[in-house]
Amino acid sequence: MTHEWMLKTLTKIGFKYPDAEVYLSLTRDGSQTAREIAEALKTEKRRIYRSLENLKAKGFVYANNEHPTQFSALSFEKVLETLTKTNVEEANRLETEKERILSRWRALIREDSAN
């Protein structure tokens, strides 16, 4: 498995590219500080913190309470499980709301056509 293939896979399943780079760094190299990640990726620490916050909000990365903070990645298997569950729930919600949305959409189109 190449690095580029892994990054492409992460972006295909919904990661933003910078977040994919950070997640991949953590999965390949283990727990790290934001500074270590920034050095490994040769980028600004500010960009790394932004990605870490995005990943933490999704539950894909977690941090310890030490100083400096060490960040770790959730296993890729768990990430896939989470994304699958989220996508299934979203599809079910959309299916449930489909008729109401279409009805409203059609009404708005008729309103616009009448004006």
PDB file of N, CA and C in Angstrom:
ATOM      1  N   MET A   1       0.844  -1.178   0.000  1.00  0.00           N
ATOM      2  CA  MET A   1       0.000   0.000   0.000  1.00  0.00           C
ATOM      3  C   MET A   1       0.889   1.241   0.000  1.00  0.00           C
ATOM      4  N   THR A   2       0.712   2.091  -0.973  1.00  0.00           N
ATOM      5  CA  THR A   2       1.537   3.286  -1.030  1.00  0.00           C
ATOM      6  C   THR A   2       0.895   4.424  -0.249  1.00  0.00           C
ATOM      7  N   HIS A   3       1.734   5.357   0.091  1.00  0.00           N
ATOM      8  CA  HIS A   3       1.305   6.552   0.816  1.00  0.00           C
ATOM      9  C   HIS A   3       0.225   7.300   0.024  1.00  0.00           C
ATOM     10  N   GLU A   4       0.474   7.490  -1.269  1.00  0.00           N
ATOM     11  CA  GLU A   4      -0.491   8.224  -2.102  1.00  0.00           C
ATOM     12  C   GLU A   4      -1.829   7.489  -2.194  1.00  0.00           C
ATOM     13  N   TRP A   5      -1.785   6.162  -2.318  1.00  0.00           N
ATOM     14  CA  TRP A   5      -3.021   5.382  -2.382  1.00  0.00           C
ATOM     15  C   TRP A   5      -3.812   5.559  -1.097  1.00  0.00           C
ATOM     16  N   MET A   6      -3.109   5.538   0.033  1.00  0.00           N
ATOM     17  CA  MET A   6      -3.770   5.695   1.325  1.00  0.00           C
ATOM     18  C   MET A   6      -4.407   7.080   1.442  1.00  0.00           C
ATOM     19  N   LEU A   7      -3.690   8.118   1.019  1.00  0.00           N
ATOM     20  CA  LEU A   7      -4.250   9.475   1.055  1.00  0.00           C
ATOM     21  C   LEU A   7      -5.475   9.575   0.143  1.00  0.00           C
ATOM     22  N   LYS A   8      -5.384   9.013  -1.042  1.00  0.00           N
ATOM     23  CA  LYS A   8      -6.496   9.047  -1.986  1.00  0.00           C
ATOM     24  C   LYS A   8      -7.711   8.314  -1.411  1.00  0.00           C
ATOM     25  N   THR A   9      -7.468   7.191  -0.767  1.00  0.00           N
ATOM     26  CA  THR A   9      -8.551   6.422  -0.147  1.00  0.00           C
ATOM     27  C   THR A   9      -9.238   7.234   0.939  1.00  0.00           C
ATOM     28  N   LEU A  10      -8.443   7.883   1.781  1.00  0.00           N
ATOM     29  CA  LEU A  10      -9.025   8.705   2.849  1.00  0.00           C
ATOM     30  C   LEU A  10      -9.862   9.847   2.286  1.00  0.00           C
ATOM     31  N   THR A  11      -9.383  10.496   1.231  1.00  0.00           N
ATOM     32  CA  THR A  11     -10.164  11.600   0.655  1.00  0.00           C
ATOM     33  C   THR A  11     -11.425  11.076  -0.024  1.00  0.00           C
ATOM     34  N   LYS A  12     -11.358   9.894  -0.620  1.00  0.00           N
ATOM     35  CA  LYS A  12     -12.553   9.305  -1.257  1.00  0.00           C
ATOM     36  C   LYS A  12     -13.640   8.998  -0.234  1.00  0.00           C
ATOM     37  N   ILE A  13     -13.249   8.674   0.980  1.00  0.00           N
ATOM     38  CA  ILE A  13     -14.263   8.334   1.991  1.00  0.00           C
ATOM     39  C   ILE A  13     -14.675   9.543   2.830  1.00  0.00           C
ATOM     40  N   GLY A  14     -14.197  10.730   2.443  1.00  0.00           N
ATOM     41  CA  GLY A  14     -14.719  11.939   3.080  1.00  0.00           C
ATOM     42  C   GLY A  14     -13.746  12.816   3.837  1.00  0.00           C
ATOM     43  N   PHE A  15     -12.489  12.423   3.939  1.00  0.00           N
ATOM     44  CA  PHE A  15     -11.511  13.264   4.618  1.00  0.00           C
ATOM     45  C   PHE A  15     -11.118  14.427   3.715  1.00  0.00           C
ATOM     46  N   LYS A  16     -10.899  15.597   4.298  1.00  0.00           N
ATOM     47  CA  LYS A  16     -10.247  16.679   3.574  1.00  0.00           C
ATOM     48  C   LYS A  16      -8.771  16.291   3.471  1.00  0.00           C
ATOM     49  N   TYR A  17      -8.113  16.699   2.399  1.00  0.00           N
ATOM     50  CA  TYR A  17      -6.737  16.267   2.168  1.00  0.00           C
ATOM     51  C   TYR A  17      -5.808  16.569   3.351  1.00  0.00           C
ATOM     52  N   PRO A  18      -5.832  17.801   3.916  1.00  0.00           N
ATOM     53  CA  PRO A  18      -4.926  18.060   5.054  1.00  0.00           C
ATOM     54  C   PRO A  18      -5.218  17.153   6.256  1.00  0.00           C
ATOM     55  N   ASP A  19      -6.492  16.874   6.487  1.00  0.00           N
ATOM     56  CA  ASP A  19      -6.873  15.986   7.589  1.00  0.00           C
ATOM     57  C   ASP A  19      -6.403  14.564   7.315  1.00  0.00           C
ATOM     58  N   ALA A  20      -6.487  14.143   6.063  1.00  0.00           N
ATOM     59  CA  ALA A  20      -6.017  12.814   5.677  1.00  0.00           C
ATOM     60  C   ALA A  20      -4.519  12.683   5.932  1.00  0.00           C
ATOM     61  N   GLU A  21      -3.766  13.722   5.615  1.00  0.00           N
ATOM     62  CA  GLU A  21      -2.318  13.680   5.861  1.00  0.00           C
ATOM     63  C   GLU A  21      -2.011  13.527   7.352  1.00  0.00           C
ATOM     64  N   VAL A  22      -2.713  14.275   8.177  1.00  0.00           N
ATOM     65  CA  VAL A  22      -2.500  14.211   9.624  1.00  0.00           C
ATOM     66  C   VAL A  22      -2.902  12.841  10.160  1.00  0.00           C
ATOM     67  N   TYR A  23      -4.075  12.364   9.755  1.00  0.00           N
ATOM     68  CA  TYR A  23      -4.539  11.055  10.215  1.00  0.00           C
ATOM     69  C   TYR A  23      -3.546   9.966   9.798  1.00  0.00           C
ATOM     70  N   LEU A  24      -3.098  10.011   8.574  1.00  0.00           N
ATOM     71  CA  LEU A  24      -2.149   9.016   8.084  1.00  0.00           C
ATOM     72  C   LEU A  24      -0.839   9.074   8.851  1.00  0.00           C
ATOM     73  N   SER A  25      -0.373  10.268   9.147  1.00  0.00           N
ATOM     74  CA  SER A  25       0.852  10.425   9.940  1.00  0.00           C
ATOM     75  C   SER A  25       0.700   9.762  11.304  1.00  0.00           C
ATOM     76  N   LEU A  26      -0.446   9.971  11.927  1.00  0.00           N
ATOM     77  CA  LEU A  26      -0.684   9.382  13.250  1.00  0.00           C
ATOM     78  C   LEU A  26      -0.830   7.864  13.185  1.00  0.00           C
ATOM     79  N   THR A  27      -1.462   7.357  12.131  1.00  0.00           N
ATOM     80  CA  THR A  27      -1.631   5.902  12.041  1.00  0.00           C
ATOM     81  C   THR A  27      -0.315   5.208  11.704  1.00  0.00           C
ATOM     82  N   ARG A  28       0.514   5.863  10.928  1.00  0.00           N
ATOM     83  CA  ARG A  28       1.776   5.234  10.529  1.00  0.00           C
ATOM     84  C   ARG A  28       2.859   5.378  11.590  1.00  0.00           C
ATOM     85  N   ASP A  29       2.896   6.541  12.248  1.00  0.00           N
ATOM     86  CA  ASP A  29       3.998   6.828  13.180  1.00  0.00           C
ATOM     87  C   ASP A  29       3.601   6.772  14.645  1.00  0.00           C
ATOM     88  N   GLY A  30       2.330   6.542  14.942  1.00  0.00           N
ATOM     89  CA  GLY A  30       1.884   6.478  16.324  1.00  0.00           C
ATOM     90  C   GLY A  30       1.638   7.848  16.925  1.00  0.00           C
ATOM     91  N   SER A  31       1.412   7.885  18.228  1.00  0.00           N
ATOM     92  CA  SER A  31       1.112   9.129  18.943  1.00  0.00           C
ATOM     93  C   SER A  31       2.204  10.157  18.725  1.00  0.00           C
ATOM     94  N   GLN A  32       1.771  11.402  18.517  1.00  0.00           N
ATOM     95  CA  GLN A  32       2.709  12.494  18.269  1.00  0.00           C
ATOM     96  C   GLN A  32       2.140  13.806  18.798  1.00  0.00           C
ATOM     97  N   THR A  33       3.023  14.769  18.976  1.00  0.00           N
ATOM     98  CA  THR A  33       2.589  16.128  19.283  1.00  0.00           C
ATOM     99  C   THR A  33       2.291  16.833  17.963  1.00  0.00           C
ATOM    100  N   ALA A  34       1.596  17.948  18.050  1.00  0.00           N
ATOM    101  CA  ALA A  34       1.313  18.734  16.847  1.00  0.00           C
ATOM    102  C   ALA A  34       2.628  19.177  16.194  1.00  0.00           C
ATOM    103  N   ARG A  35       3.588  19.501  16.994  1.00  0.00           N
ATOM    104  CA  ARG A  35       4.885  19.932  16.464  1.00  0.00           C
ATOM    105  C   ARG A  35       5.560  18.813  15.675  1.00  0.00           C
ATOM    106  N   GLU A  36       5.520  17.609  16.209  1.00  0.00           N
ATOM    107  CA  GLU A  36       6.127  16.469  15.519  1.00  0.00           C
ATOM    108  C   GLU A  36       5.423  16.192  14.189  1.00  0.00           C
ATOM    109  N   ILE A  37       4.106  16.311  14.194  1.00  0.00           N
ATOM    110  CA  ILE A  37       3.350  16.101  12.959  1.00  0.00           C
ATOM    111  C   ILE A  37       3.720  17.172  11.938  1.00  0.00           C
ATOM    112  N   ALA A  38       3.772  18.426  12.397  1.00  0.00           N
ATOM    113  CA  ALA A  38       4.118  19.541  11.504  1.00  0.00           C
ATOM    114  C   ALA A  38       5.507  19.343  10.904  1.00  0.00           C
ATOM    115  N   GLU A  39       6.437  18.900  11.706  1.00  0.00           N
ATOM    116  CA  GLU A  39       7.792  18.663  11.197  1.00  0.00           C
ATOM    117  C   GLU A  39       7.799  17.510  10.190  1.00  0.00           C
ATOM    118  N   ALA A  40       7.078  16.443  10.496  1.00  0.00           N
ATOM    119  CA  ALA A  40       7.038  15.289   9.596  1.00  0.00           C
ATOM    120  C   ALA A  40       6.393  15.656   8.261  1.00  0.00           C
ATOM    121  N   LEU A  41       5.376  16.500   8.312  1.00  0.00           N
ATOM    122  CA  LEU A  41       4.663  16.883   7.088  1.00  0.00           C
ATOM    123  C   LEU A  41       5.226  18.152   6.456  1.00  0.00           C
ATOM    124  N   LYS A  42       6.211  18.732   7.119  1.00  0.00           N
ATOM    125  CA  LYS A  42       6.846  19.970   6.626  1.00  0.00           C
ATOM    126  C   LYS A  42       5.808  21.055   6.332  1.00  0.00           C
ATOM    127  N   THR A  43       5.012  21.333   7.362  1.00  0.00           N
ATOM    128  CA  THR A  43       3.965  22.345   7.232  1.00  0.00           C
ATOM    129  C   THR A  43       3.824  23.116   8.538  1.00  0.00           C
ATOM    130  N   GLU A  44       2.979  24.122   8.520  1.00  0.00           N
ATOM    131  CA  GLU A  44       2.777  24.978   9.691  1.00  0.00           C
ATOM    132  C   GLU A  44       2.000  24.253  10.783  1.00  0.00           C
ATOM    133  N   LYS A  45       2.382  24.538  12.019  1.00  0.00           N
ATOM    134  CA  LYS A  45       1.691  23.938  13.163  1.00  0.00           C
ATOM    135  C   LYS A  45       0.216  24.373  13.202  1.00  0.00           C
ATOM    136  N   ARG A  46      -0.053  25.583  12.785  1.00  0.00           N
ATOM    137  CA  ARG A  46      -1.429  26.111  12.778  1.00  0.00           C
ATOM    138  C   ARG A  46      -2.326  25.240  11.896  1.00  0.00           C
ATOM    139  N   ARG A  47      -1.821  24.831  10.740  1.00  0.00           N
ATOM    140  CA  ARG A  47      -2.573  23.961   9.825  1.00  0.00           C
ATOM    141  C   ARG A  47      -2.821  22.594  10.469  1.00  0.00           C
ATOM    142  N   ILE A  48      -1.824  22.106  11.190  1.00  0.00           N
ATOM    143  CA  ILE A  48      -1.947  20.814  11.867  1.00  0.00           C
ATOM    144  C   ILE A  48      -3.016  20.895  12.952  1.00  0.00           C
ATOM    145  N   TYR A  49      -3.001  21.963  13.739  1.00  0.00           N
ATOM    146  CA  TYR A  49      -4.009  22.125  14.786  1.00  0.00           C
ATOM    147  C   TYR A  49      -5.421  22.162  14.199  1.00  0.00           C
ATOM    148  N   ARG A  50      -5.580  22.827  13.070  1.00  0.00           N
ATOM    149  CA  ARG A  50      -6.887  22.895  12.410  1.00  0.00           C
ATOM    150  C   ARG A  50      -7.358  21.483  12.037  1.00  0.00           C
ATOM    151  N   SER A  51      -6.472  20.707  11.437  1.00  0.00           N
ATOM    152  CA  SER A  51      -6.811  19.330  11.068  1.00  0.00           C
ATOM    153  C   SER A  51      -7.084  18.474  12.296  1.00  0.00           C
ATOM    154  N   LEU A  52      -6.269  18.640  13.326  1.00  0.00           N
ATOM    155  CA  LEU A  52      -6.485  17.864  14.551  1.00  0.00           C
ATOM    156  C   LEU A  52      -7.848  18.164  15.153  1.00  0.00           C
ATOM    157  N   GLU A  53      -8.249  19.426  15.145  1.00  0.00           N
ATOM    158  CA  GLU A  53      -9.572  19.792  15.667  1.00  0.00           C
ATOM    159  C   GLU A  53     -10.676  19.150  14.830  1.00  0.00           C
ATOM    160  N   ASN A  54     -10.533  19.178  13.496  1.00  0.00           N
ATOM    161  CA  ASN A  54     -11.517  18.534  12.617  1.00  0.00           C
ATOM    162  C   ASN A  54     -11.619  17.044  12.930  1.00  0.00           C
ATOM    163  N   LEU A  55     -10.481  16.396  13.045  1.00  0.00           N
ATOM    164  CA  LEU A  55     -10.441  14.958  13.292  1.00  0.00           C
ATOM    165  C   LEU A  55     -10.963  14.607  14.683  1.00  0.00           C
ATOM    166  N   LYS A  56     -10.648  15.432  15.679  1.00  0.00           N
ATOM    167  CA  LYS A  56     -11.158  15.195  17.031  1.00  0.00           C
ATOM    168  C   LYS A  56     -12.677  15.335  17.056  1.00  0.00           C
ATOM    169  N   ALA A  57     -13.207  16.332  16.346  1.00  0.00           N
ATOM    170  CA  ALA A  57     -14.659  16.558  16.315  1.00  0.00           C
ATOM    171  C   ALA A  57     -15.394  15.347  15.737  1.00  0.00           C
ATOM    172  N   LYS A  58     -14.750  14.648  14.823  1.00  0.00           N
ATOM    173  CA  LYS A  58     -15.347  13.454  14.217  1.00  0.00           C
ATOM    174  C   LYS A  58     -15.067  12.194  15.030  1.00  0.00           C
ATOM    175  N   GLY A  59     -14.219  12.320  16.036  1.00  0.00           N
ATOM    176  CA  GLY A  59     -13.878  11.174  16.862  1.00  0.00           C
ATOM    177  C   GLY A  59     -12.797  10.290  16.262  1.00  0.00           C
ATOM    178  N   PHE A  60     -12.066  10.805  15.265  1.00  0.00           N
ATOM    179  CA  PHE A  60     -11.035  10.019  14.589  1.00  0.00           C
ATOM    180  C   PHE A  60      -9.661  10.177  15.215  1.00  0.00           C
ATOM    181  N   VAL A  61      -9.519  11.201  16.051  1.00  0.00           N
ATOM    182  CA  VAL A  61      -8.258  11.474  16.750  1.00  0.00           C
ATOM    183  C   VAL A  61      -8.608  11.844  18.177  1.00  0.00           C
ATOM    184  N   TYR A  62      -7.770  11.431  19.096  1.00  0.00           N
ATOM    185  CA  TYR A  62      -7.968  11.831  20.481  1.00  0.00           C
ATOM    186  C   TYR A  62      -6.641  12.312  21.058  1.00  0.00           C
ATOM    187  N   ALA A  63      -6.755  13.084  22.130  1.00  0.00           N
ATOM    188  CA  ALA A  63      -5.583  13.712  22.743  1.00  0.00           C
ATOM    189  C   ALA A  63      -5.495  13.320  24.207  1.00  0.00           C
ATOM    190  N   ASN A  64      -4.271  13.253  24.705  1.00  0.00           N
ATOM    191  CA  ASN A  64      -4.113  12.986  26.131  1.00  0.00           C
ATOM    192  C   ASN A  64      -4.083  14.311  26.887  1.00  0.00           C
ATOM    193  N   ASN A  65      -3.936  14.255  28.201  1.00  0.00           N
ATOM    194  CA  ASN A  65      -3.938  15.470  29.020  1.00  0.00           C
ATOM    195  C   ASN A  65      -2.539  15.900  29.427  1.00  0.00           C
ATOM    196  N   GLU A  66      -1.533  15.408  28.753  1.00  0.00           N
ATOM    197  CA  GLU A  66      -0.151  15.764  29.075  1.00  0.00           C
ATOM    198  C   GLU A  66       0.237  17.061  28.388  1.00  0.00           C
ATOM    199  N   HIS A  67       1.395  17.565  28.767  1.00  0.00           N
ATOM    200  CA  HIS A  67       1.948  18.739  28.096  1.00  0.00           C
ATOM    201  C   HIS A  67       3.362  18.415  27.654  1.00  0.00           C
ATOM    202  N   PRO A  68       3.690  18.485  26.391  1.00  0.00           N
ATOM    203  CA  PRO A  68       2.793  18.825  25.291  1.00  0.00           C
ATOM    204  C   PRO A  68       1.824  17.684  24.992  1.00  0.00           C
ATOM    205  N   THR A  69       0.694  18.062  24.448  1.00  0.00           N
ATOM    206  CA  THR A  69      -0.361  17.099  24.144  1.00  0.00           C
ATOM    207  C   THR A  69       0.089  16.112  23.074  1.00  0.00           C
ATOM    208  N   GLN A  70      -0.180  14.857  23.344  1.00  0.00           N
ATOM    209  CA  GLN A  70       0.075  13.792  22.367  1.00  0.00           C
ATOM    210  C   GLN A  70      -1.257  13.426  21.718  1.00  0.00           C
ATOM    211  N   PHE A  71      -1.239  13.331  20.414  1.00  0.00           N
ATOM    212  CA  PHE A  71      -2.439  12.971  19.662  1.00  0.00           C
ATOM    213  C   PHE A  71      -2.281  11.554  19.128  1.00  0.00           C
ATOM    214  N   SER A  72      -3.386  10.806  19.122  1.00  0.00           N
ATOM    215  CA  SER A  72      -3.407   9.442  18.613  1.00  0.00           C
ATOM    216  C   SER A  72      -4.597   9.285  17.693  1.00  0.00           C
ATOM    217  N   ALA A  73      -4.479   8.350  16.754  1.00  0.00           N
ATOM    218  CA  ALA A  73      -5.548   8.111  15.790  1.00  0.00           C
ATOM    219  C   ALA A  73      -6.388   6.908  16.196  1.00  0.00           C
ATOM    220  N   LEU A  74      -7.669   7.013  15.942  1.00  0.00           N
ATOM    221  CA  LEU A  74      -8.563   5.885  16.064  1.00  0.00           C
ATOM    222  C   LEU A  74      -8.182   4.898  14.956  1.00  0.00           C
ATOM    223  N   SER A  75      -8.332   3.619  15.191  1.00  0.00           N
ATOM    224  CA  SER A  75      -7.962   2.640  14.164  1.00  0.00           C
ATOM    225  C   SER A  75      -8.780   2.888  12.895  1.00  0.00           C
ATOM    226  N   PHE A  76      -8.187   2.562  11.763  1.00  0.00           N
ATOM    227  CA  PHE A  76      -8.863   2.767  10.490  1.00  0.00           C
ATOM    228  C   PHE A  76     -10.142   1.934  10.409  1.00  0.00           C
ATOM    229  N   GLU A  77     -10.119   0.763  10.994  1.00  0.00           N
ATOM    230  CA  GLU A  77     -11.310  -0.082  11.025  1.00  0.00           C
ATOM    231  C   GLU A  77     -12.460   0.637  11.724  1.00  0.00           C
ATOM    232  N   LYS A  78     -12.164   1.277  12.859  1.00  0.00           N
ATOM    233  CA  LYS A  78     -13.197   2.009  13.609  1.00  0.00           C
ATOM    234  C   LYS A  78     -13.669   3.236  12.825  1.00  0.00           C
ATOM    235  N   VAL A  79     -12.746   3.894  12.133  1.00  0.00           N
ATOM    236  CA  VAL A  79     -13.122   5.046  11.306  1.00  0.00           C
ATOM    237  C   VAL A  79     -14.103   4.600  10.229  1.00  0.00           C
ATOM    238  N   LEU A  80     -13.799   3.490   9.561  1.00  0.00           N
ATOM    239  CA  LEU A  80     -14.702   2.978   8.526  1.00  0.00           C
ATOM    240  C   LEU A  80     -16.061   2.607   9.106  1.00  0.00           C
ATOM    241  N   GLU A  81     -16.061   1.995  10.281  1.00  0.00           N
ATOM    242  CA  GLU A  81     -17.328   1.652  10.932  1.00  0.00           C
ATOM    243  C   GLU A  81     -18.148   2.910  11.216  1.00  0.00           C
ATOM    244  N   THR A  82     -17.488   3.934  11.737  1.00  0.00           N
ATOM    245  CA  THR A  82     -18.161   5.190  12.053  1.00  0.00           C
ATOM    246  C   THR A  82     -18.726   5.837  10.794  1.00  0.00           C
ATOM    247  N   LEU A  83     -17.917   5.917   9.745  1.00  0.00           N
ATOM    248  CA  LEU A  83     -18.375   6.532   8.501  1.00  0.00           C
ATOM    249  C   LEU A  83     -19.517   5.743   7.872  1.00  0.00           C
ATOM    250  N   THR A  84     -19.424   4.429   7.910  1.00  0.00           N
ATOM    251  CA  THR A  84     -20.480   3.590   7.358  1.00  0.00           C
ATOM    252  C   THR A  84     -21.783   3.816   8.104  1.00  0.00           C
ATOM    253  N   LYS A  85     -21.714   3.807   9.430  1.00  0.00           N
ATOM    254  CA  LYS A  85     -22.905   4.022  10.246  1.00  0.00           C
ATOM    255  C   LYS A  85     -23.505   5.397   9.972  1.00  0.00           C
ATOM    256  N   THR A  86     -22.666   6.420   9.902  1.00  0.00           N
ATOM    257  CA  THR A  86     -23.128   7.781   9.641  1.00  0.00           C
ATOM    258  C   THR A  86     -23.798   7.870   8.275  1.00  0.00           C
ATOM    259  N   ASN A  87     -23.185   7.258   7.259  1.00  0.00           N
ATOM    260  CA  ASN A  87     -23.754   7.312   5.911  1.00  0.00           C
ATOM    261  C   ASN A  87     -25.064   6.544   5.814  1.00  0.00           C
ATOM    262  N   VAL A  88     -25.165   5.418   6.494  1.00  0.00           N
ATOM    263  CA  VAL A  88     -26.411   4.655   6.497  1.00  0.00           C
ATOM    264  C   VAL A  88     -27.506   5.462   7.189  1.00  0.00           C
ATOM    265  N   GLU A  89     -27.180   6.075   8.314  1.00  0.00           N
ATOM    266  CA  GLU A  89     -28.160   6.900   9.034  1.00  0.00           C
ATOM    267  C   GLU A  89     -28.613   8.070   8.175  1.00  0.00           C
ATOM    268  N   GLU A  90     -27.674   8.709   7.483  1.00  0.00           N
ATOM    269  CA  GLU A  90     -28.009   9.835   6.610  1.00  0.00           C
ATOM    270  C   GLU A  90     -28.887   9.371   5.455  1.00  0.00           C
ATOM    271  N   ALA A  91     -28.584   8.231   4.855  1.00  0.00           N
ATOM    272  CA  ALA A  91     -29.395   7.684   3.766  1.00  0.00           C
ATOM    273  C   ALA A  91     -30.802   7.360   4.263  1.00  0.00           C
ATOM    274  N   ASN A  92     -30.908   6.774   5.442  1.00  0.00           N
ATOM    275  CA  ASN A  92     -32.225   6.461   6.013  1.00  0.00           C
ATOM    276  C   ASN A  92     -33.024   7.727   6.295  1.00  0.00           C
ATOM    277  N   ARG A  93     -32.348   8.740   6.822  1.00  0.00           N
ATOM    278  CA  ARG A  93     -33.015  10.016   7.103  1.00  0.00           C
ATOM    279  C   ARG A  93     -33.521  10.640   5.806  1.00  0.00           C
ATOM    280  N   LEU A  94     -32.688  10.614   4.781  1.00  0.00           N
ATOM    281  CA  LEU A  94     -33.075  11.177   3.495  1.00  0.00           C
ATOM    282  C   LEU A  94     -34.244  10.410   2.889  1.00  0.00           C
ATOM    283  N   GLU A  95     -34.230   9.098   2.985  1.00  0.00           N
ATOM    284  CA  GLU A  95     -35.327   8.274   2.479  1.00  0.00           C
ATOM    285  C   GLU A  95     -36.624   8.613   3.213  1.00  0.00           C
ATOM    286  N   THR A  96     -36.536   8.801   4.512  1.00  0.00           N
ATOM    287  CA  THR A  96     -37.708   9.144   5.319  1.00  0.00           C
ATOM    288  C   THR A  96     -38.257  10.518   4.930  1.00  0.00           C
ATOM    289  N   GLU A  97     -37.385  11.448   4.640  1.00  0.00           N
ATOM    290  CA  GLU A  97     -37.773  12.827   4.335  1.00  0.00           C
ATOM    291  C   GLU A  97     -38.030  13.063   2.843  1.00  0.00           C
ATOM    292  N   LYS A  98     -37.741  12.088   2.014  1.00  0.00           N
ATOM    293  CA  LYS A  98     -37.764  12.246   0.562  1.00  0.00           C
ATOM    294  C   LYS A  98     -39.071  12.853   0.032  1.00  0.00           C
ATOM    295  N   GLU A  99     -40.198  12.278   0.381  1.00  0.00           N
ATOM    296  CA  GLU A  99     -41.479  12.765  -0.147  1.00  0.00           C
ATOM    297  C   GLU A  99     -41.784  14.183   0.311  1.00  0.00           C
ATOM    298  N   ARG A 100     -41.505  14.469   1.581  1.00  0.00           N
ATOM    299  CA  ARG A 100     -41.748  15.823   2.092  1.00  0.00           C
ATOM    300  C   ARG A 100     -40.868  16.832   1.364  1.00  0.00           C
ATOM    301  N   ILE A 101     -39.596  16.495   1.150  1.00  0.00           N
ATOM    302  CA  ILE A 101     -38.665  17.388   0.456  1.00  0.00           C
ATOM    303  C   ILE A 101     -39.117  17.602  -0.985  1.00  0.00           C
ATOM    304  N   LEU A 102     -39.479  16.511  -1.677  1.00  0.00           N
ATOM    305  CA  LEU A 102     -39.925  16.626  -3.071  1.00  0.00           C
ATOM    306  C   LEU A 102     -41.206  17.454  -3.186  1.00  0.00           C
ATOM    307  N   SER A 103     -42.118  17.257  -2.267  1.00  0.00           N
ATOM    308  CA  SER A 103     -43.363  18.011  -2.272  1.00  0.00           C
ATOM    309  C   SER A 103     -43.085  19.504  -2.111  1.00  0.00           C
ATOM    310  N   ARG A 104     -42.239  19.823  -1.163  1.00  0.00           N
ATOM    311  CA  ARG A 104     -41.878  21.232  -0.921  1.00  0.00           C
ATOM    312  C   ARG A 104     -41.151  21.813  -2.127  1.00  0.00           C
ATOM    313  N   TRP A 105     -40.243  21.026  -2.704  1.00  0.00           N
ATOM    314  CA  TRP A 105     -39.469  21.456  -3.873  1.00  0.00           C
ATOM    315  C   TRP A 105     -40.416  21.803  -5.035  1.00  0.00           C
ATOM    316  N   ARG A 106     -41.347  20.895  -5.303  1.00  0.00           N
ATOM    317  CA  ARG A 106     -42.301  21.106  -6.396  1.00  0.00           C
ATOM    318  C   ARG A 106     -43.153  22.356  -6.163  1.00  0.00           C
ATOM    319  N   ALA A 107     -43.561  22.561  -4.917  1.00  0.00           N
ATOM    320  CA  ALA A 107     -44.360  23.748  -4.585  1.00  0.00           C
ATOM    321  C   ALA A 107     -43.566  25.023  -4.834  1.00  0.00           C
ATOM    322  N   LEU A 108     -42.310  25.017  -4.471  1.00  0.00           N
ATOM    323  CA  LEU A 108     -41.472  26.201  -4.685  1.00  0.00           C
ATOM    324  C   LEU A 108     -41.241  26.452  -6.171  1.00  0.00           C
ATOM    325  N   ILE A 109     -41.065  25.392  -6.950  1.00  0.00           N
ATOM    326  CA  ILE A 109     -40.889  25.538  -8.400  1.00  0.00           C
ATOM    327  C   ILE A 109     -42.152  26.147  -9.010  1.00  0.00           C
ATOM    328  N   ARG A 110     -43.321  25.666  -8.583  1.00  0.00           N
ATOM    329  CA  ARG A 110     -44.584  26.211  -9.095  1.00  0.00           C
ATOM    330  C   ARG A 110     -44.721  27.690  -8.733  1.00  0.00           C
ATOM    331  N   GLU A 111     -44.324  28.057  -7.490  1.00  0.00           N
ATOM    332  CA  GLU A 111     -44.372  29.467  -7.050  1.00  0.00           C
ATOM    333  C   GLU A 111     -43.491  30.323  -7.935  1.00  0.00           C
ATOM    334  N   ASP A 112     -42.260  29.858  -8.166  1.00  0.00           N
ATOM    335  CA  ASP A 112     -41.315  30.617  -8.993  1.00  0.00           C
ATOM    336  C   ASP A 112     -41.811  30.752 -10.435  1.00  0.00           C
ATOM    337  N   SER A 113     -42.431  29.701 -10.953  1.00  0.00           N
ATOM    338  CA  SER A 113     -42.941  29.730 -12.324  1.00  0.00           C
ATOM    339  C   SER A 113     -44.109  30.702 -12.459  1.00  0.00           C
ATOM    340  N   ALA A 114     -44.901  30.812 -11.391  1.00  0.00           N
ATOM    341  CA  ALA A 114     -46.066  31.697 -11.415  1.00  0.00           C
ATOM    342  C   ALA A 114     -45.661  33.156 -11.348  1.00  0.00           C
ATOM    343  N   ASN A 115     -44.519  33.446 -10.802  1.00  0.00           N
ATOM    344  CA  ASN A 115     -44.082  34.860 -10.656  1.00  0.00           C
ATOM    345  C   ASN A 115     -43.400  35.336 -11.864  1.00  0.00           C
TER     346      ASN A 115
END
